[in-house]
Amino acid sequence: MAKTAIIEAHGGPEQFRIVDRDVGDPGPGEIRIRHHACGLNFIDVYQRTGLYPMELPHALGMEAAGVVEAVGEGVTHLKPGDRAAYACTPPGAYCEARVMPAAQVCPLPDEISFEDGAAMMLKGLTTHYLFRRTTPIVKGDTVLFHAAAGGVGLIACQWAASEGIRLIGTAGTDEKCALARDHGAAECINYRTEDWVARVRELTDGKGVDVVMDAVGADTFDGSLDCLRPLGFMISFGNASGPVPPFALAILGQKGSLKITRPTLFAHIAEHESCQQMAAELFEKVTSDDVKIRIGQRFPLEDVAEAHRALEARKTTGQTVLTI
């Protein structure tokens, strides 16, 4: 039996229940993993509220780290006793142990703790595809990154600095702006006290940035387009403030032949080989100290509802983990 956080209806954090579930044995292509820590992400909120509907009841959680207990037929990249971490579908990471598909579960280097492994996979692999798999970004380019003091943001600040990319961040307090700068942001703008669009234009001598990376969504979308240089690239990869409303495609031409995409991590890691390679490159960033994982909050699994409330209220910085 394994304690598991489930929801039986979409809604607020009060929907969570902690139940005991049978774990069972892995079938072909599966593993059984016992978790040491689980990560918390905004996609979990989207699934809980029903923005991303799912069949209920269902356990939530998309990433975790722990020790492989058993492997099914055909699994060759993991064996019992291996340390491992993952960020992948199906949801169900908020638990002590589970059986799950093995293809996107990655061997975790000994140098990386279970808590760091649980905190870094979804956000770190997201940072990987933003900088390496979406559009060419090279040394000297300028990126605007919203929520720069958040979980993805603090990794992105360090990743950009390690590769000579100028990252301009936004955040909601002076303290969060300072945190982003401490992690490698060249500049960070407090969007509550400054006109961030005008400030971005000022910081780029009126030219605009090469790329915007925006997980905030509705509140920042229009302004983000106004921050791009002609032929600039908009990456909309989240909806923290709500989904982006429909817009006229012609506006991209009017603002300088802009390009836009709405990627998901799960498309990038769908192939086993791609996922394992991306994870290996992420782990190298961490073990080389180019990227340090900052865990700002820890909650026991039983307090998952409180963890969700803190995340939605934007009271968190860095990564949040659920401890087992």
Protein backbone atom coordinates (compact mmCIF):
# COMPACT_ATOMS: atom_id res chain seq x y z
CA MET A 1 0.00 0.00 0.00
CA ALA A 2 1.14 3.54 -0.70
CA LYS A 3 -0.24 6.84 0.55
CA THR A 4 -1.49 8.77 -2.51
CA ALA A 5 -2.96 12.24 -3.02
CA ILE A 6 -6.01 12.04 -5.30
CA ILE A 7 -8.86 14.26 -6.44
CA GLU A 8 -12.39 12.98 -7.07
CA ALA A 9 -13.70 16.24 -8.58
CA HIS A 10 -12.14 19.25 -10.25
CA GLY A 11 -11.91 22.39 -8.14
CA GLY A 12 -9.80 24.02 -5.45
CA PRO A 13 -7.08 22.57 -3.22
CA GLU A 14 -9.77 21.32 -0.85
CA GLN A 15 -10.46 18.53 -3.38
CA PHE A 16 -7.34 16.60 -2.32
CA ARG A 17 -7.71 13.40 -0.34
CA ILE A 18 -4.92 11.18 0.98
CA VAL A 19 -5.77 7.51 0.45
CA ASP A 20 -3.95 4.17 0.63
CA ARG A 21 -3.62 2.43 -2.72
CA ASP A 22 -2.27 -0.95 -3.81
CA VAL A 23 0.90 -0.58 -5.86
CA GLY A 24 1.28 -3.95 -7.56
CA ASP A 25 4.02 -5.23 -9.84
CA PRO A 26 5.29 -3.71 -13.10
CA GLY A 27 4.20 -5.14 -16.41
CA PRO A 28 6.14 -5.06 -19.70
CA GLY A 29 7.83 -1.69 -20.22
CA GLU A 30 7.02 -0.55 -16.66
CA ILE A 31 8.83 0.01 -13.38
CA ARG A 32 7.83 0.24 -9.74
CA ILE A 33 9.47 3.20 -8.03
CA ARG A 34 9.43 4.21 -4.35
CA HIS A 35 9.54 7.98 -4.08
CA HIS A 36 11.70 10.05 -1.76
CA ALA A 37 10.32 13.41 -2.97
CA CYS A 38 7.82 14.77 -5.50
CA GLY A 39 7.86 18.05 -7.42
CA LEU A 40 5.06 20.62 -7.60
CA ASN A 41 4.23 22.38 -10.88
CA PHE A 42 1.58 24.65 -12.34
CA ILE A 43 0.40 21.88 -14.65
CA ASP A 44 -0.78 20.12 -11.48
CA VAL A 45 -2.98 23.14 -10.75
CA TYR A 46 -4.36 23.12 -14.31
CA GLN A 47 -5.27 19.43 -13.94
CA ARG A 48 -6.81 19.93 -10.50
CA THR A 49 -9.00 22.85 -11.61
CA GLY A 50 -10.11 21.14 -14.83
CA LEU A 51 -8.34 23.53 -17.22
CA TYR A 52 -6.67 20.32 -18.38
CA PRO A 53 -9.52 17.84 -17.80
CA MET A 54 -8.86 14.23 -16.80
CA GLU A 55 -10.89 11.20 -15.92
CA LEU A 56 -11.57 11.14 -12.17
CA PRO A 57 -10.77 10.01 -9.56
CA HIS A 58 -7.08 10.41 -10.32
CA ALA A 59 -3.79 10.92 -8.53
CA LEU A 60 -1.96 14.12 -9.48
CA GLY A 61 1.72 15.01 -9.82
CA MET A 62 4.03 14.91 -12.83
CA GLU A 63 7.54 14.52 -11.37
CA ALA A 64 9.36 12.72 -8.59
CA ALA A 65 12.60 11.01 -7.63
CA GLY A 66 13.28 7.81 -5.75
CA VAL A 67 14.60 4.25 -6.02
CA VAL A 68 13.52 1.64 -8.57
CA GLU A 69 12.09 -1.41 -6.76
CA ALA A 70 11.25 -3.63 -9.75
CA VAL A 71 11.32 -3.55 -13.54
CA GLY A 72 9.09 -5.23 -16.07
CA GLU A 73 9.97 -7.17 -19.18
CA GLY A 74 11.83 -5.15 -21.80
CA VAL A 75 13.17 -2.43 -19.47
CA THR A 76 16.94 -2.26 -19.97
CA HIS A 77 18.01 1.26 -18.94
CA LEU A 78 17.00 0.80 -15.29
CA LYS A 79 17.33 -2.00 -12.73
CA PRO A 80 16.19 -2.54 -9.13
CA GLY A 81 18.17 -0.36 -6.72
CA ASP A 82 18.81 2.41 -9.26
CA ARG A 83 18.26 6.01 -8.24
CA ALA A 84 15.89 7.60 -10.76
CA ALA A 85 13.86 10.72 -11.50
CA TYR A 86 11.21 11.67 -14.01
CA ALA A 87 8.79 14.27 -15.32
CA CYS A 88 6.23 12.65 -17.57
CA THR A 89 2.71 11.40 -18.07
CA PRO A 90 0.52 9.90 -16.76
CA PRO A 91 -0.10 12.00 -13.64
CA GLY A 92 0.26 10.19 -10.35
CA ALA A 93 3.53 11.27 -8.72
CA TYR A 94 1.95 12.49 -5.46
CA CYS A 95 2.43 9.16 -3.71
CA GLU A 96 4.84 7.00 -1.77
CA ALA A 97 5.24 4.49 -4.59
CA ARG A 98 3.74 3.72 -7.99
CA VAL A 99 3.95 1.52 -11.07
CA MET A 100 4.48 3.55 -14.25
CA PRO A 101 5.87 3.43 -17.79
CA ALA A 102 9.67 3.30 -17.76
CA ALA A 103 10.62 5.05 -21.01
CA GLN A 104 10.75 8.59 -19.60
CA VAL A 105 12.20 7.64 -16.20
CA CYS A 106 15.88 8.61 -16.10
CA PRO A 107 18.82 7.32 -14.06
CA LEU A 108 19.68 9.98 -11.47
CA PRO A 109 23.39 10.70 -10.87
CA ASP A 110 24.64 10.07 -7.34
CA GLU A 111 25.77 13.71 -7.11
CA ILE A 112 22.15 14.93 -7.29
CA SER A 113 19.94 14.52 -4.21
CA PHE A 114 16.46 13.04 -4.41
CA GLU A 115 14.91 16.40 -3.47
CA ASP A 116 16.86 18.21 -6.18
CA GLY A 117 15.99 15.46 -8.65
CA ALA A 118 12.29 15.76 -7.86
CA ALA A 119 12.42 19.55 -8.05
CA MET A 120 14.37 19.87 -11.30
CA MET A 121 13.00 17.43 -13.84
CA LEU A 122 9.92 19.16 -15.25
CA LYS A 123 11.30 22.67 -14.85
CA GLY A 124 14.80 21.74 -15.97
CA LEU A 125 13.67 19.79 -19.03
CA THR A 126 11.34 22.69 -19.86
CA THR A 127 14.32 25.06 -19.69
CA HIS A 128 16.25 22.67 -21.94
CA TYR A 129 13.66 22.72 -24.71
CA LEU A 130 13.17 26.49 -24.39
CA PHE A 131 16.84 27.21 -25.00
CA ARG A 132 17.92 24.27 -27.18
CA ARG A 133 14.97 22.79 -29.08
CA THR A 134 12.45 25.54 -29.89
CA THR A 135 14.30 28.24 -31.86
CA PRO A 136 18.03 28.91 -32.29
CA ILE A 137 19.32 31.05 -29.40
CA VAL A 138 23.02 31.89 -29.40
CA LYS A 139 25.51 33.76 -27.28
CA GLY A 140 24.72 37.48 -27.32
CA ASP A 141 20.99 37.07 -27.93
CA THR A 142 18.52 38.73 -25.53
CA VAL A 143 15.61 36.84 -23.97
CA LEU A 144 12.69 38.24 -21.97
CA PHE A 145 11.59 35.74 -19.32
CA HIS A 146 8.44 36.26 -17.23
CA ALA A 147 8.24 34.95 -13.66
CA ALA A 148 12.02 34.90 -13.51
CA ALA A 149 12.08 34.04 -9.78
CA GLY A 150 9.83 31.01 -10.20
CA GLY A 151 10.80 27.38 -10.56
CA VAL A 152 11.58 27.43 -14.28
CA GLY A 153 12.75 31.03 -14.07
CA LEU A 154 15.64 30.52 -11.67
CA ILE A 155 16.92 27.62 -13.75
CA ALA A 156 16.50 29.69 -16.92
CA CYS A 157 18.44 32.62 -15.42
CA GLN A 158 21.39 30.36 -14.68
CA TRP A 159 21.15 28.48 -17.97
CA ALA A 160 21.21 31.74 -19.95
CA ALA A 161 24.14 33.14 -17.97
CA SER A 162 26.13 29.93 -18.49
CA GLU A 163 25.74 30.26 -22.27
CA GLY A 164 26.33 34.00 -22.67
CA ILE A 165 22.66 34.81 -23.31
CA ARG A 166 21.31 38.07 -21.90
CA LEU A 167 18.16 37.36 -19.89
CA ILE A 168 15.82 40.17 -18.86
CA GLY A 169 13.38 38.91 -16.26
CA THR A 170 10.14 40.13 -14.75
CA ALA A 171 8.89 39.43 -11.23
CA GLY A 172 6.28 40.80 -8.82
CA THR A 173 8.45 42.09 -5.97
CA ASP A 174 11.83 43.76 -5.54
CA GLU A 175 12.94 40.73 -3.53
CA LYS A 176 12.06 38.37 -6.35
CA CYS A 177 13.84 40.63 -8.84
CA ALA A 178 16.96 40.53 -6.66
CA LEU A 179 16.71 36.73 -6.49
CA ALA A 180 16.55 36.49 -10.29
CA ARG A 181 19.59 38.75 -10.65
CA ASP A 182 21.45 36.67 -8.07
CA HIS A 183 20.79 33.65 -10.28
CA GLY A 184 22.14 35.22 -13.46
CA ALA A 185 19.49 37.54 -14.89
CA ALA A 186 21.15 40.55 -16.50
CA GLU A 187 18.16 42.70 -15.50
CA CYS A 188 14.88 42.08 -13.72
CA ILE A 189 11.84 44.36 -13.82
CA ASN A 190 9.25 44.62 -11.05
CA TYR A 191 6.06 44.51 -13.14
CA ARG A 192 3.99 45.89 -10.25
CA THR A 193 5.96 49.15 -10.03
CA GLU A 194 7.29 49.67 -13.56
CA ASP A 195 5.93 49.76 -17.10
CA TRP A 196 7.74 46.59 -18.06
CA VAL A 197 7.14 46.94 -21.80
CA ALA A 198 8.65 50.42 -21.86
CA ARG A 199 11.52 49.24 -19.65
CA VAL A 200 12.32 46.33 -21.96
CA ARG A 201 12.40 48.72 -24.91
CA GLU A 202 14.72 51.01 -22.95
CA LEU A 203 17.04 48.14 -22.02
CA THR A 204 17.29 47.08 -25.67
CA ASP A 205 17.80 50.59 -27.08
CA GLY A 206 14.34 50.42 -28.63
CA LYS A 207 15.09 47.30 -30.66
CA GLY A 208 13.21 44.71 -28.63
CA VAL A 209 14.30 41.23 -27.57
CA ASP A 210 15.06 38.24 -29.77
CA VAL A 211 12.85 35.80 -27.85
CA VAL A 212 10.12 36.03 -25.20
CA MET A 213 9.52 33.04 -22.92
CA ASP A 214 6.12 33.49 -21.30
CA ALA A 215 4.42 31.05 -18.91
CA VAL A 216 2.16 33.70 -17.35
CA GLY A 217 -0.35 33.74 -20.22
CA ALA A 218 -3.30 36.13 -20.38
CA ASP A 219 -1.82 38.98 -18.30
CA THR A 220 1.42 39.29 -20.25
CA PHE A 221 0.68 38.08 -23.77
CA ASP A 222 -0.04 41.40 -25.53
CA GLY A 223 2.83 43.18 -23.81
CA SER A 224 5.18 40.34 -24.67
CA LEU A 225 4.45 40.77 -28.37
CA ASP A 226 5.28 44.47 -28.02
CA CYS A 227 8.68 43.60 -26.54
CA LEU A 228 9.84 41.59 -29.55
CA ARG A 229 12.11 42.87 -32.28
CA PRO A 230 10.95 42.41 -35.90
CA LEU A 231 11.09 38.69 -36.76
CA GLY A 232 11.28 37.92 -33.04
CA PHE A 233 10.05 34.66 -31.56
CA MET A 234 7.32 34.32 -28.90
CA ILE A 235 7.28 31.10 -26.84
CA SER A 236 4.03 30.87 -24.86
CA PHE A 237 4.47 27.84 -22.61
CA GLY A 238 2.04 28.32 -19.72
CA ASN A 239 -1.13 29.90 -18.35
CA ALA A 240 -0.40 30.95 -14.76
CA SER A 241 -2.75 33.96 -15.08
CA GLY A 242 -5.24 32.16 -17.32
CA PRO A 243 -5.23 31.01 -20.94
CA VAL A 244 -4.36 33.45 -23.71
CA PRO A 245 -7.58 34.69 -25.38
CA PRO A 246 -8.06 34.20 -29.12
CA PHE A 247 -6.27 36.84 -31.20
CA ALA A 248 -6.13 37.88 -34.84
CA LEU A 249 -3.25 36.12 -36.58
CA ALA A 250 -2.63 39.24 -38.69
CA ILE A 251 -1.38 41.08 -35.60
CA LEU A 252 1.85 39.10 -35.85
CA GLY A 253 2.50 40.64 -39.24
CA GLN A 254 1.59 44.12 -38.07
CA LYS A 255 4.06 43.92 -35.20
CA GLY A 256 7.01 42.88 -37.36
CA SER A 257 6.42 39.42 -38.85
CA LEU A 258 6.64 37.82 -35.43
CA LYS A 259 6.76 34.08 -34.90
CA ILE A 260 4.92 32.25 -32.14
CA THR A 261 4.66 28.73 -30.74
CA ARG A 262 2.84 26.97 -27.91
CA PRO A 263 5.02 23.98 -27.01
CA THR A 264 4.63 21.32 -24.34
CA LEU A 265 7.38 19.40 -22.63
CA PHE A 266 5.63 16.12 -23.26
CA ALA A 267 5.96 16.44 -27.04
CA HIS A 268 9.70 17.00 -26.65
CA ILE A 269 10.25 13.98 -24.39
CA ALA A 270 7.83 11.61 -26.14
CA GLU A 271 10.67 9.58 -27.66
CA HIS A 272 12.73 7.58 -25.16
CA GLU A 273 16.07 8.52 -26.70
CA SER A 274 15.28 12.26 -26.80
CA CYS A 275 14.09 12.24 -23.21
CA GLN A 276 17.19 10.44 -21.95
CA GLN A 277 19.51 12.74 -23.91
CA MET A 278 17.76 15.88 -22.65
CA ALA A 279 17.97 14.60 -19.07
CA ALA A 280 21.67 13.80 -19.46
CA GLU A 281 22.37 17.35 -20.67
CA LEU A 282 20.30 18.78 -17.81
CA PHE A 283 22.15 16.65 -15.26
CA GLU A 284 25.47 17.86 -16.70
CA LYS A 285 24.37 21.48 -16.18
CA VAL A 286 23.65 20.68 -12.54
CA THR A 287 26.68 18.52 -11.74
CA SER A 288 28.98 21.11 -13.35
CA ASP A 289 27.44 23.81 -11.10
CA ASP A 290 26.25 25.86 -14.08
CA VAL A 291 22.77 25.42 -12.60
CA LYS A 292 22.01 25.11 -8.88
CA ILE A 293 18.56 23.90 -7.86
CA ARG A 294 16.93 26.22 -5.34
CA ILE A 295 14.19 24.61 -3.28
CA GLY A 296 12.24 27.42 -1.71
CA GLN A 297 9.48 25.39 -0.05
CA ARG A 298 8.98 21.90 1.35
CA PHE A 299 5.63 20.40 2.35
CA PRO A 300 4.82 16.90 3.63
CA LEU A 301 2.73 14.91 1.16
CA GLU A 302 -0.20 15.21 3.56
CA ASP A 303 -0.08 19.02 3.18
CA VAL A 304 -0.39 18.98 -0.61
CA ALA A 305 -3.44 21.28 -0.48
CA GLU A 306 -1.41 23.95 1.35
CA ALA A 307 1.35 23.58 -1.21
CA HIS A 308 -1.13 24.24 -4.02
CA ARG A 309 -2.52 27.29 -2.23
CA ALA A 310 0.96 28.77 -1.87
CA LEU A 311 1.78 28.14 -5.53
CA GLU A 312 -1.44 29.69 -6.82
CA ALA A 313 -1.03 32.74 -4.57
CA ARG A 314 2.44 33.30 -6.08
CA LYS A 315 3.95 33.03 -2.61
CA THR A 316 6.62 30.57 -3.73
CA THR A 317 10.11 31.13 -5.08
CA GLY A 318 12.26 28.56 -6.84
CA GLN A 319 11.10 24.97 -6.64
CA THR A 320 8.60 23.36 -4.28
CA VAL A 321 8.80 19.72 -3.21
CA LEU A 322 6.53 17.34 -1.37
CA THR A 323 8.49 15.18 1.05
CA ILE A 324 7.60 11.53 1.58
